[in-house]
């Protein structure tokens, strides 16, 4: 018999016939009604350890890049809204200064570097 959902067994009996990204692992399976413990080591092809390591590193990198992109867009949106709010304050402040009749600024503009 073969493991559920896996068709590539017997790599120890026929020589290692696994694809390049697979590795032949020990596997004892029932042969002619014997117990699995008494079965022959026929071997089973499964992903090689180096492939699993590469997949893990790529998955972690993808999650990290996704988190950084989300953080970048949130900070950018916050900066845009803050800048937009500051511009509205400057416009309203300049209107107030011109309509008050004095023609000069009454104080510093918020977030002004001057």
PDB file of N, CA and C in Angstrom:
ATOM      1  N   UNK A   1       0.846  -1.187   0.000  1.00  0.00           N
ATOM      2  CA  UNK A   1       0.000   0.000   0.000  1.00  0.00           C
ATOM      3  C   UNK A   1       0.883   1.239   0.000  1.00  0.00           C
ATOM      4  N   UNK A   2       0.264   2.375  -0.258  1.00  0.00           N
ATOM      5  CA  UNK A   2       1.012   3.628  -0.316  1.00  0.00           C
ATOM      6  C   UNK A   2       0.385   4.643   0.624  1.00  0.00           C
ATOM      7  N   UNK A   3       1.158   5.642   1.038  1.00  0.00           N
ATOM      8  CA  UNK A   3       0.576   6.670   1.911  1.00  0.00           C
ATOM      9  C   UNK A   3      -0.530   7.426   1.192  1.00  0.00           C
ATOM     10  N   UNK A   4      -1.493   7.901   1.953  1.00  0.00           N
ATOM     11  CA  UNK A   4      -2.641   8.610   1.367  1.00  0.00           C
ATOM     12  C   UNK A   4      -2.180   9.872   0.648  1.00  0.00           C
ATOM     13  N   UNK A   5      -2.623  10.035  -0.596  1.00  0.00           N
ATOM     14  CA  UNK A   5      -2.357  11.235  -1.359  1.00  0.00           C
ATOM     15  C   UNK A   5      -0.936  11.344  -1.879  1.00  0.00           C
ATOM     16  N   UNK A   6      -0.164  10.302  -1.804  1.00  0.00           N
ATOM     17  CA  UNK A   6       1.217  10.380  -2.254  1.00  0.00           C
ATOM     18  C   UNK A   6       1.523   9.162  -3.119  1.00  0.00           C
ATOM     19  N   UNK A   7       2.024   9.391  -4.330  1.00  0.00           N
ATOM     20  CA  UNK A   7       2.190   8.294  -5.273  1.00  0.00           C
ATOM     21  C   UNK A   7       3.649   7.876  -5.474  1.00  0.00           C
ATOM     22  N   UNK A   8       4.605   8.657  -5.012  1.00  0.00           N
ATOM     23  CA  UNK A   8       6.009   8.364  -5.314  1.00  0.00           C
ATOM     24  C   UNK A   8       6.667   7.603  -4.169  1.00  0.00           C
ATOM     25  N   UNK A   9       6.463   6.299  -4.133  1.00  0.00           N
ATOM     26  CA  UNK A   9       7.127   5.466  -3.144  1.00  0.00           C
ATOM     27  C   UNK A   9       7.997   4.458  -3.869  1.00  0.00           C
ATOM     28  N   UNK A  10       8.908   3.877  -3.137  1.00  0.00           N
ATOM     29  CA  UNK A  10       9.751   2.838  -3.709  1.00  0.00           C
ATOM     30  C   UNK A  10      11.073   3.341  -4.244  1.00  0.00           C
ATOM     31  N   UNK A  11      11.527   4.487  -3.799  1.00  0.00           N
ATOM     32  CA  UNK A  11      12.776   5.018  -4.346  1.00  0.00           C
ATOM     33  C   UNK A  11      13.993   4.254  -3.819  1.00  0.00           C
ATOM     34  N   UNK A  12      13.884   3.585  -2.678  1.00  0.00           N
ATOM     35  CA  UNK A  12      15.004   2.769  -2.197  1.00  0.00           C
ATOM     36  C   UNK A  12      15.101   1.450  -2.958  1.00  0.00           C
ATOM     37  N   UNK A  13      13.990   0.952  -3.392  1.00  0.00           N
ATOM     38  CA  UNK A  13      14.009  -0.348  -4.063  1.00  0.00           C
ATOM     39  C   UNK A  13      14.454  -0.239  -5.518  1.00  0.00           C
ATOM     40  N   UNK A  14      14.182   0.878  -6.149  1.00  0.00           N
ATOM     41  CA  UNK A  14      14.517   1.025  -7.572  1.00  0.00           C
ATOM     42  C   UNK A  14      15.699   1.948  -7.795  1.00  0.00           C
ATOM     43  N   UNK A  15      16.404   2.273  -6.751  1.00  0.00           N
ATOM     44  CA  UNK A  15      17.416   3.315  -6.875  1.00  0.00           C
ATOM     45  C   UNK A  15      16.717   4.647  -6.717  1.00  0.00           C
ATOM     46  N   UNK A  16      17.445   5.672  -6.370  1.00  0.00           N
ATOM     47  CA  UNK A  16      16.795   6.952  -6.098  1.00  0.00           C
ATOM     48  C   UNK A  16      16.305   7.564  -7.409  1.00  0.00           C
ATOM     49  N   UNK A  17      15.012   7.471  -7.630  1.00  0.00           N
ATOM     50  CA  UNK A  17      14.415   8.004  -8.851  1.00  0.00           C
ATOM     51  C   UNK A  17      13.589   9.252  -8.578  1.00  0.00           C
ATOM     52  N   UNK A  18      13.919   9.952  -7.525  1.00  0.00           N
ATOM     53  CA  UNK A  18      13.181  11.176  -7.183  1.00  0.00           C
ATOM     54  C   UNK A  18      13.632  12.322  -8.088  1.00  0.00           C
ATOM     55  N   UNK A  19      12.747  13.283  -8.349  1.00  0.00           N
ATOM     56  CA  UNK A  19      13.146  14.477  -9.104  1.00  0.00           C
ATOM     57  C   UNK A  19      14.217  15.259  -8.348  1.00  0.00           C
ATOM     58  N   UNK A  20      14.806  16.241  -8.997  1.00  0.00           N
ATOM     59  CA  UNK A  20      15.929  16.982  -8.428  1.00  0.00           C
ATOM     60  C   UNK A  20      15.558  17.754  -7.170  1.00  0.00           C
ATOM     61  N   UNK A  21      14.296  18.138  -7.017  1.00  0.00           N
ATOM     62  CA  UNK A  21      13.863  18.911  -5.853  1.00  0.00           C
ATOM     63  C   UNK A  21      13.359  18.022  -4.725  1.00  0.00           C
ATOM     64  N   UNK A  22      13.390  16.711  -4.929  1.00  0.00           N
ATOM     65  CA  UNK A  22      12.942  15.754  -3.927  1.00  0.00           C
ATOM     66  C   UNK A  22      14.124  15.007  -3.333  1.00  0.00           C
ATOM     67  N   UNK A  23      13.830  14.315  -2.232  1.00  0.00           N
ATOM     68  CA  UNK A  23      14.814  13.494  -1.559  1.00  0.00           C
ATOM     69  C   UNK A  23      14.130  12.194  -1.168  1.00  0.00           C
ATOM     70  N   UNK A  24      14.865  11.108  -1.185  1.00  0.00           N
ATOM     71  CA  UNK A  24      14.308   9.807  -0.820  1.00  0.00           C
ATOM     72  C   UNK A  24      14.468   9.611   0.687  1.00  0.00           C
ATOM     73  N   UNK A  25      13.330   9.569   1.380  1.00  0.00           N
ATOM     74  CA  UNK A  25      13.327   9.385   2.830  1.00  0.00           C
ATOM     75  C   UNK A  25      12.977   7.939   3.153  1.00  0.00           C
ATOM     76  N   UNK A  26      13.454   7.420   4.302  1.00  0.00           N
ATOM     77  CA  UNK A  26      13.090   6.055   4.690  1.00  0.00           C
ATOM     78  C   UNK A  26      11.595   5.962   4.960  1.00  0.00           C
ATOM     79  N   UNK A  27      11.013   4.889   4.543  1.00  0.00           N
ATOM     80  CA  UNK A  27       9.594   4.675   4.781  1.00  0.00           C
ATOM     81  C   UNK A  27       9.262   3.209   4.751  1.00  0.00           C
ATOM     82  N   UNK A  28       8.703   2.698   5.860  1.00  0.00           N
ATOM     83  CA  UNK A  28       8.324   1.294   5.932  1.00  0.00           C
ATOM     84  C   UNK A  28       6.817   1.189   5.731  1.00  0.00           C
ATOM     85  N   UNK A  29       6.424   0.369   4.787  1.00  0.00           N
ATOM     86  CA  UNK A  29       5.016   0.217   4.453  1.00  0.00           C
ATOM     87  C   UNK A  29       4.657  -1.249   4.427  1.00  0.00           C
ATOM     88  N   UNK A  30       3.386  -1.515   4.575  1.00  0.00           N
ATOM     89  CA  UNK A  30       2.904  -2.894   4.563  1.00  0.00           C
ATOM     90  C   UNK A  30       3.193  -3.554   3.221  1.00  0.00           C
ATOM     91  N   UNK A  31       3.740  -4.739   3.307  1.00  0.00           N
ATOM     92  CA  UNK A  31       3.996  -5.511   2.097  1.00  0.00           C
ATOM     93  C   UNK A  31       3.349  -6.877   2.291  1.00  0.00           C
ATOM     94  N   UNK A  32       2.395  -7.207   1.471  1.00  0.00           N
ATOM     95  CA  UNK A  32       1.695  -8.490   1.513  1.00  0.00           C
ATOM     96  C   UNK A  32       1.089  -8.789   2.889  1.00  0.00           C
ATOM     97  N   UNK A  33       0.430  -7.823   3.480  1.00  0.00           N
ATOM     98  CA  UNK A  33      -0.307  -8.041   4.722  1.00  0.00           C
ATOM     99  C   UNK A  33       0.525  -8.024   5.985  1.00  0.00           C
ATOM    100  N   UNK A  34       1.797  -7.730   5.939  1.00  0.00           N
ATOM    101  CA  UNK A  34       2.608  -7.658   7.152  1.00  0.00           C
ATOM    102  C   UNK A  34       2.396  -6.322   7.843  1.00  0.00           C
ATOM    103  N   UNK A  35       2.792  -6.242   9.107  1.00  0.00           N
ATOM    104  CA  UNK A  35       2.664  -4.983   9.846  1.00  0.00           C
ATOM    105  C   UNK A  35       3.645  -3.954   9.293  1.00  0.00           C
ATOM    106  N   UNK A  36       3.352  -2.661   9.496  1.00  0.00           N
ATOM    107  CA  UNK A  36       4.222  -1.600   8.983  1.00  0.00           C
ATOM    108  C   UNK A  36       5.608  -1.680   9.632  1.00  0.00           C
ATOM    109  N   UNK A  37       5.662  -2.133  10.889  1.00  0.00           N
ATOM    110  CA  UNK A  37       6.948  -2.245  11.566  1.00  0.00           C
ATOM    111  C   UNK A  37       7.796  -3.356  10.948  1.00  0.00           C
ATOM    112  N   UNK A  38       7.142  -4.389  10.437  1.00  0.00           N
ATOM    113  CA  UNK A  38       7.863  -5.492   9.817  1.00  0.00           C
ATOM    114  C   UNK A  38       8.048  -5.286   8.323  1.00  0.00           C
ATOM    115  N   UNK A  39       7.480  -4.209   7.782  1.00  0.00           N
ATOM    116  CA  UNK A  39       7.540  -3.964   6.346  1.00  0.00           C
ATOM    117  C   UNK A  39       8.941  -3.594   5.897  1.00  0.00           C
ATOM    118  N   UNK A  40       9.126  -3.685   4.608  1.00  0.00           N
ATOM    119  CA  UNK A  40      10.426  -3.354   4.030  1.00  0.00           C
ATOM    120  C   UNK A  40      10.572  -1.841   3.901  1.00  0.00           C
ATOM    121  N   UNK A  41      11.804  -1.370   3.979  1.00  0.00           N
ATOM    122  CA  UNK A  41      12.096   0.051   3.800  1.00  0.00           C
ATOM    123  C   UNK A  41      12.134   0.328   2.300  1.00  0.00           C
ATOM    124  N   UNK A  42      10.998   0.764   1.769  1.00  0.00           N
ATOM    125  CA  UNK A  42      10.920   1.005   0.330  1.00  0.00           C
ATOM    126  C   UNK A  42      11.295   2.439  -0.013  1.00  0.00           C
ATOM    127  N   UNK A  43      11.165   3.361   0.937  1.00  0.00           N
ATOM    128  CA  UNK A  43      11.496   4.764   0.701  1.00  0.00           C
ATOM    129  C   UNK A  43      10.364   5.532   0.063  1.00  0.00           C
ATOM    130  N   UNK A  44      10.344   6.812   0.330  1.00  0.00           N
ATOM    131  CA  UNK A  44       9.315   7.687  -0.217  1.00  0.00           C
ATOM    132  C   UNK A  44       9.960   9.010  -0.635  1.00  0.00           C
ATOM    133  N   UNK A  45       9.582   9.493  -1.802  1.00  0.00           N
ATOM    134  CA  UNK A  45      10.088  10.782  -2.284  1.00  0.00           C
ATOM    135  C   UNK A  45       9.256  11.905  -1.683  1.00  0.00           C
ATOM    136  N   UNK A  46       9.947  12.890  -1.152  1.00  0.00           N
ATOM    137  CA  UNK A  46       9.293  14.079  -0.625  1.00  0.00           C
ATOM    138  C   UNK A  46      10.246  15.258  -0.826  1.00  0.00           C
ATOM    139  N   UNK A  47       9.744  16.454  -0.606  1.00  0.00           N
ATOM    140  CA  UNK A  47      10.571  17.637  -0.833  1.00  0.00           C
ATOM    141  C   UNK A  47      11.864  17.564  -0.029  1.00  0.00           C
ATOM    142  N   UNK A  48      12.947  17.962  -0.666  1.00  0.00           N
ATOM    143  CA  UNK A  48      14.252  17.973  -0.013  1.00  0.00           C
ATOM    144  C   UNK A  48      14.299  19.080   1.034  1.00  0.00           C
ATOM    145  N   UNK A  49      15.168  18.910   2.003  1.00  0.00           N
ATOM    146  CA  UNK A  49      15.274  19.882   3.092  1.00  0.00           C
ATOM    147  C   UNK A  49      15.658  21.259   2.561  1.00  0.00           C
ATOM    148  N   UNK A  50      16.558  21.328   1.606  1.00  0.00           N
ATOM    149  CA  UNK A  50      16.980  22.637   1.087  1.00  0.00           C
ATOM    150  C   UNK A  50      15.833  23.354   0.393  1.00  0.00           C
ATOM    151  N   UNK A  51      14.911  22.609  -0.218  1.00  0.00           N
ATOM    152  CA  UNK A  51      13.735  23.229  -0.850  1.00  0.00           C
ATOM    153  C   UNK A  51      12.814  23.794   0.232  1.00  0.00           C
ATOM    154  N   UNK A  52      12.646  23.051   1.316  1.00  0.00           N
ATOM    155  CA  UNK A  52      11.809  23.529   2.416  1.00  0.00           C
ATOM    156  C   UNK A  52      12.405  24.781   3.059  1.00  0.00           C
ATOM    157  N   UNK A  53      13.730  24.837   3.178  1.00  0.00           N
ATOM    158  CA  UNK A  53      14.390  26.018   3.739  1.00  0.00           C
ATOM    159  C   UNK A  53      14.178  27.223   2.827  1.00  0.00           C
ATOM    160  N   UNK A  54      14.352  27.036   1.530  1.00  0.00           N
ATOM    161  CA  UNK A  54      14.148  28.144   0.581  1.00  0.00           C
ATOM    162  C   UNK A  54      12.704  28.625   0.617  1.00  0.00           C
ATOM    163  N   UNK A  55      11.752  27.696   0.652  1.00  0.00           N
ATOM    164  CA  UNK A  55      10.342  28.087   0.742  1.00  0.00           C
ATOM    165  C   UNK A  55      10.074  28.888   2.011  1.00  0.00           C
ATOM    166  N   UNK A  56      10.653  28.468   3.126  1.00  0.00           N
ATOM    167  CA  UNK A  56      10.443  29.175   4.394  1.00  0.00           C
ATOM    168  C   UNK A  56      11.029  30.578   4.344  1.00  0.00           C
ATOM    169  N   UNK A  57      12.237  30.716   3.812  1.00  0.00           N
ATOM    170  CA  UNK A  57      12.870  32.030   3.718  1.00  0.00           C
ATOM    171  C   UNK A  57      12.059  32.945   2.801  1.00  0.00           C
ATOM    172  N   UNK A  58      11.586  32.430   1.681  1.00  0.00           N
ATOM    173  CA  UNK A  58      10.782  33.244   0.762  1.00  0.00           C
ATOM    174  C   UNK A  58       9.464  33.669   1.397  1.00  0.00           C
ATOM    175  N   UNK A  59       8.842  32.771   2.141  1.00  0.00           N
ATOM    176  CA  UNK A  59       7.591  33.110   2.809  1.00  0.00           C
ATOM    177  C   UNK A  59       7.805  34.197   3.852  1.00  0.00           C
ATOM    178  N   UNK A  60       8.852  34.076   4.650  1.00  0.00           N
ATOM    179  CA  UNK A  60       9.149  35.091   5.660  1.00  0.00           C
ATOM    180  C   UNK A  60       9.470  36.424   4.995  1.00  0.00           C
ATOM    181  N   UNK A  61      10.233  36.405   3.909  1.00  0.00           N
ATOM    182  CA  UNK A  61      10.570  37.638   3.190  1.00  0.00           C
ATOM    183  C   UNK A  61       9.310  38.288   2.604  1.00  0.00           C
ATOM    184  N   UNK A  62       8.412  37.491   2.059  1.00  0.00           N
ATOM    185  CA  UNK A  62       7.176  38.034   1.489  1.00  0.00           C
ATOM    186  C   UNK A  62       6.317  38.687   2.569  1.00  0.00           C
ATOM    187  N   UNK A  63       6.234  38.067   3.724  1.00  0.00           N
ATOM    188  CA  UNK A  63       5.458  38.643   4.827  1.00  0.00           C
ATOM    189  C   UNK A  63       6.101  39.946   5.301  1.00  0.00           C
ATOM    190  N   UNK A  64       7.422  39.968   5.392  1.00  0.00           N
ATOM    191  CA  UNK A  64       8.133  41.168   5.819  1.00  0.00           C
ATOM    192  C   UNK A  64       7.943  42.311   4.826  1.00  0.00           C
ATOM    193  N   UNK A  65       8.081  42.028   3.549  1.00  0.00           N
ATOM    194  CA  UNK A  65       7.899  43.061   2.521  1.00  0.00           C
ATOM    195  C   UNK A  65       6.467  43.569   2.527  1.00  0.00           C
ATOM    196  N   UNK A  66       5.506  42.680   2.696  1.00  0.00           N
ATOM    197  CA  UNK A  66       4.102  43.103   2.756  1.00  0.00           C
ATOM    198  C   UNK A  66       3.854  44.024   3.938  1.00  0.00           C
ATOM    199  N   UNK A  67       4.403  43.679   5.091  1.00  0.00           N
ATOM    200  CA  UNK A  67       4.224  44.519   6.281  1.00  0.00           C
ATOM    201  C   UNK A  67       4.873  45.886   6.082  1.00  0.00           C
ATOM    202  N   UNK A  68       6.050  45.913   5.479  1.00  0.00           N
ATOM    203  CA  UNK A  68       6.719  47.192   5.230  1.00  0.00           C
ATOM    204  C   UNK A  68       5.946  48.052   4.233  1.00  0.00           C
ATOM    205  N   UNK A  69       5.369  47.429   3.207  1.00  0.00           N
ATOM    206  CA  UNK A  69       4.566  48.186   2.230  1.00  0.00           C
ATOM    207  C   UNK A  69       3.330  48.782   2.884  1.00  0.00           C
ATOM    208  N   UNK A  70       2.651  48.000   3.704  1.00  0.00           N
ATOM    209  CA  UNK A  70       1.470  48.517   4.393  1.00  0.00           C
ATOM    210  C   UNK A  70       1.863  49.676   5.302  1.00  0.00           C
ATOM    211  N   UNK A  71       2.957  49.529   6.026  1.00  0.00           N
ATOM    212  CA  UNK A  71       3.435  50.596   6.903  1.00  0.00           C
ATOM    213  C   UNK A  71       3.782  51.849   6.101  1.00  0.00           C
ATOM    214  N   UNK A  72       4.447  51.684   4.978  1.00  0.00           N
ATOM    215  CA  UNK A  72       4.816  52.825   4.130  1.00  0.00           C
ATOM    216  C   UNK A  72       3.570  53.575   3.655  1.00  0.00           C
ATOM    217  N   UNK A  73       2.561  52.855   3.179  1.00  0.00           N
ATOM    218  CA  UNK A  73       1.363  53.515   2.667  1.00  0.00           C
ATOM    219  C   UNK A  73       0.568  54.185   3.781  1.00  0.00           C
ATOM    220  N   UNK A  74       0.556  53.609   4.975  1.00  0.00           N
ATOM    221  CA  UNK A  74      -0.142  54.252   6.090  1.00  0.00           C
ATOM    222  C   UNK A  74       0.566  55.541   6.480  1.00  0.00           C
ATOM    223  N   UNK A  75       1.883  55.512   6.570  1.00  0.00           N
ATOM    224  CA  UNK A  75       2.640  56.720   6.916  1.00  0.00           C
ATOM    225  C   UNK A  75       2.477  57.774   5.825  1.00  0.00           C
ATOM    226  N   UNK A  76       2.506  57.360   4.579  1.00  0.00           N
ATOM    227  CA  UNK A  76       2.348  58.310   3.469  1.00  0.00           C
ATOM    228  C   UNK A  76       0.972  58.974   3.503  1.00  0.00           C
ATOM    229  N   UNK A  77      -0.069  58.192   3.766  1.00  0.00           N
ATOM    230  CA  UNK A  77      -1.421  58.746   3.835  1.00  0.00           C
ATOM    231  C   UNK A  77      -1.538  59.719   5.006  1.00  0.00           C
ATOM    232  N   UNK A  78      -0.945  59.358   6.144  1.00  0.00           N
ATOM    233  CA  UNK A  78      -0.981  60.237   7.306  1.00  0.00           C
ATOM    234  C   UNK A  78      -0.242  61.545   7.026  1.00  0.00           C
ATOM    235  N   UNK A  79       0.902  61.466   6.368  1.00  0.00           N
ATOM    236  CA  UNK A  79       1.659  62.669   6.024  1.00  0.00           C
ATOM    237  C   UNK A  79       0.873  63.540   5.049  1.00  0.00           C
ATOM    238  N   UNK A  80       0.214  62.917   4.061  1.00  0.00           N
ATOM    239  CA  UNK A  80      -0.591  63.673   3.103  1.00  0.00           C
ATOM    240  C   UNK A  80      -1.729  64.408   3.803  1.00  0.00           C
ATOM    241  N   UNK A  81      -2.415  63.727   4.708  1.00  0.00           N
ATOM    242  CA  UNK A  81      -3.525  64.366   5.423  1.00  0.00           C
ATOM    243  C   UNK A  81      -3.027  65.493   6.324  1.00  0.00           C
ATOM    244  N   UNK A  82      -1.882  65.283   6.962  1.00  0.00           N
ATOM    245  CA  UNK A  82      -1.310  66.319   7.829  1.00  0.00           C
ATOM    246  C   UNK A  82      -0.924  67.542   7.010  1.00  0.00           C
ATOM    247  N   UNK A  83      -0.307  67.319   5.846  1.00  0.00           N
ATOM    248  CA  UNK A  83       0.081  68.424   4.975  1.00  0.00           C
ATOM    249  C   UNK A  83      -1.148  69.159   4.452  1.00  0.00           C
ATOM    250  N   UNK A  84      -2.167  68.426   4.105  1.00  0.00           N
ATOM    251  CA  UNK A  84      -3.403  69.034   3.612  1.00  0.00           C
ATOM    252  C   UNK A  84      -4.051  69.890   4.699  1.00  0.00           C
ATOM    253  N   UNK A  85      -4.058  69.404   5.926  1.00  0.00           N
ATOM    254  CA  UNK A  85      -4.611  70.150   7.047  1.00  0.00           C
ATOM    255  C   UNK A  85      -3.802  71.419   7.296  1.00  0.00           C
ATOM    256  N   UNK A  86      -2.487  71.321   7.217  1.00  0.00           N
ATOM    257  CA  UNK A  86      -1.627  72.496   7.421  1.00  0.00           C
ATOM    258  C   UNK A  86      -1.865  73.550   6.341  1.00  0.00           C
ATOM    259  N   UNK A  87      -2.045  73.099   5.110  1.00  0.00           N
ATOM    260  CA  UNK A  87      -2.308  74.058   4.022  1.00  0.00           C
ATOM    261  C   UNK A  87      -3.637  74.766   4.229  1.00  0.00           C
ATOM    262  N   UNK A  88      -4.641  74.069   4.688  1.00  0.00           N
ATOM    263  CA  UNK A  88      -5.929  74.696   4.968  1.00  0.00           C
ATOM    264  C   UNK A  88      -5.799  75.723   6.090  1.00  0.00           C
ATOM    265  N   UNK A  89      -4.989  75.393   7.100  1.00  0.00           N
ATOM    266  CA  UNK A  89      -4.785  76.333   8.199  1.00  0.00           C
ATOM    267  C   UNK A  89      -4.064  77.579   7.711  1.00  0.00           C
ATOM    268  N   UNK A  90      -3.081  77.417   6.835  1.00  0.00           N
ATOM    269  CA  UNK A  90      -2.350  78.564   6.293  1.00  0.00           C
ATOM    270  C   UNK A  90      -3.283  79.462   5.478  1.00  0.00           C
ATOM    271  N   UNK A  91      -4.121  78.843   4.646  1.00  0.00           N
ATOM    272  CA  UNK A  91      -5.047  79.618   3.817  1.00  0.00           C
ATOM    273  C   UNK A  91      -6.026  80.375   4.698  1.00  0.00           C
ATOM    274  N   UNK A  92      -6.590  79.723   5.691  1.00  0.00           N
ATOM    275  CA  UNK A  92      -7.553  80.406   6.560  1.00  0.00           C
ATOM    276  C   UNK A  92      -6.860  81.482   7.394  1.00  0.00           C
ATOM    277  N   UNK A  93      -5.617  81.222   7.792  1.00  0.00           N
ATOM    278  CA  UNK A  93      -4.871  82.208   8.573  1.00  0.00           C
ATOM    279  C   UNK A  93      -4.547  83.441   7.718  1.00  0.00           C
ATOM    280  N   UNK A  94      -4.171  83.227   6.470  1.00  0.00           N
ATOM    281  CA  UNK A  94      -3.868  84.368   5.600  1.00  0.00           C
ATOM    282  C   UNK A  94      -5.135  85.159   5.264  1.00  0.00           C
ATOM    283  N   UNK A  95      -6.272  84.510   5.134  1.00  0.00           N
ATOM    284  CA  UNK A  95      -7.537  85.219   4.902  1.00  0.00           C
ATOM    285  C   UNK A  95      -7.904  86.054   6.112  1.00  0.00           C
ATOM    286  N   UNK A  96      -7.704  85.505   7.303  1.00  0.00           N
ATOM    287  CA  UNK A  96      -8.028  86.239   8.522  1.00  0.00           C
ATOM    288  C   UNK A  96      -7.145  87.475   8.658  1.00  0.00           C
ATOM    289  N   UNK A  97      -5.879  87.355   8.281  1.00  0.00           N
ATOM    290  CA  UNK A  97      -4.947  88.476   8.405  1.00  0.00           C
ATOM    291  C   UNK A  97      -5.295  89.587   7.420  1.00  0.00           C
ATOM    292  N   UNK A  98      -5.729  89.247   6.217  1.00  0.00           N
ATOM    293  CA  UNK A  98      -6.062  90.277   5.227  1.00  0.00           C
ATOM    294  C   UNK A  98      -7.410  90.905   5.508  1.00  0.00           C
ATOM    295  N   UNK A  99      -8.333  90.188   6.086  1.00  0.00           N
ATOM    296  CA  UNK A  99      -9.656  90.754   6.356  1.00  0.00           C
ATOM    297  C   UNK A  99      -9.705  91.510   7.673  1.00  0.00           C
ATOM    298  N   UNK A 100      -8.718  91.344   8.525  1.00  0.00           N
ATOM    299  CA  UNK A 100      -8.738  92.054   9.808  1.00  0.00           C
ATOM    300  C   UNK A 100      -8.383  93.529   9.650  1.00  0.00           C
ATOM    301  N   UNK A 101      -7.850  93.917   8.511  1.00  0.00           N
ATOM    302  CA  UNK A 101      -7.563  95.314   8.253  1.00  0.00           C
ATOM    303  C   UNK A 101      -6.151  95.727   8.603  1.00  0.00           C
ATOM    304  N   UNK A 102      -5.443  94.944   9.341  1.00  0.00           N
ATOM    305  CA  UNK A 102      -4.088  95.340   9.719  1.00  0.00           C
ATOM    306  C   UNK A 102      -3.124  95.090   8.582  1.00  0.00           C
ATOM    307  N   UNK A 103      -3.392  94.090   7.780  1.00  0.00           N
ATOM    308  CA  UNK A 103      -2.532  93.791   6.647  1.00  0.00           C
ATOM    309  C   UNK A 103      -1.240  93.104   7.017  1.00  0.00           C
ATOM    310  N   UNK A 104      -1.096  92.771   8.268  1.00  0.00           N
ATOM    311  CA  UNK A 104       0.117  92.042   8.655  1.00  0.00           C
ATOM    312  C   UNK A 104      -0.273  90.824   9.476  1.00  0.00           C
ATOM    313  N   UNK A 105       0.652  89.903   9.563  1.00  0.00           N
ATOM    314  CA  UNK A 105       0.387  88.678  10.317  1.00  0.00           C
ATOM    315  C   UNK A 105       0.323  88.983  11.808  1.00  0.00           C
ATOM    316  N   UNK A 106      -0.583  88.310  12.444  1.00  0.00           N
ATOM    317  CA  UNK A 106      -0.730  88.524  13.895  1.00  0.00           C
ATOM    318  C   UNK A 106       0.116  87.531  14.695  1.00  0.00           C
ATOM    319  N   UNK A 107       0.626  86.516  14.063  1.00  0.00           N
ATOM    320  CA  UNK A 107       1.449  85.543  14.772  1.00  0.00           C
ATOM    321  C   UNK A 107       2.014  84.527  13.810  1.00  0.00           C
ATOM    322  N   UNK A 108       2.816  83.630  14.305  1.00  0.00           N
ATOM    323  CA  UNK A 108       3.398  82.628  13.431  1.00  0.00           C
ATOM    324  C   UNK A 108       2.348  81.649  12.920  1.00  0.00           C
ATOM    325  N   UNK A 109       2.563  81.156  11.732  1.00  0.00           N
ATOM    326  CA  UNK A 109       1.680  80.154  11.144  1.00  0.00           C
ATOM    327  C   UNK A 109       2.082  78.803  11.741  1.00  0.00           C
ATOM    328  N   UNK A 110       1.111  78.013  12.163  1.00  0.00           N
ATOM    329  CA  UNK A 110       1.455  76.715  12.757  1.00  0.00           C
ATOM    330  C   UNK A 110       2.270  75.867  11.787  1.00  0.00           C
ATOM    331  N   UNK A 111       3.277  75.187  12.313  1.00  0.00           N
ATOM    332  CA  UNK A 111       4.155  74.309  11.551  1.00  0.00           C
ATOM    333  C   UNK A 111       4.973  75.075  10.500  1.00  0.00           C
ATOM    334  N   UNK A 112       5.154  76.347  10.725  1.00  0.00           N
ATOM    335  CA  UNK A 112       5.967  77.139   9.806  1.00  0.00           C
ATOM    336  C   UNK A 112       7.400  77.090  10.262  1.00  0.00           C
ATOM    337  N   UNK A 113       8.320  76.913   9.330  1.00  0.00           N
ATOM    338  CA  UNK A 113       9.725  76.790   9.689  1.00  0.00           C
ATOM    339  C   UNK A 113      10.393  78.140   9.845  1.00  0.00           C
ATOM    340  N   UNK A 114       9.738  79.217   9.452  1.00  0.00           N
ATOM    341  CA  UNK A 114      10.360  80.554   9.542  1.00  0.00           C
ATOM    342  C   UNK A 114      10.205  81.159  10.901  1.00  0.00           C
TER     343      UNK A 114
END
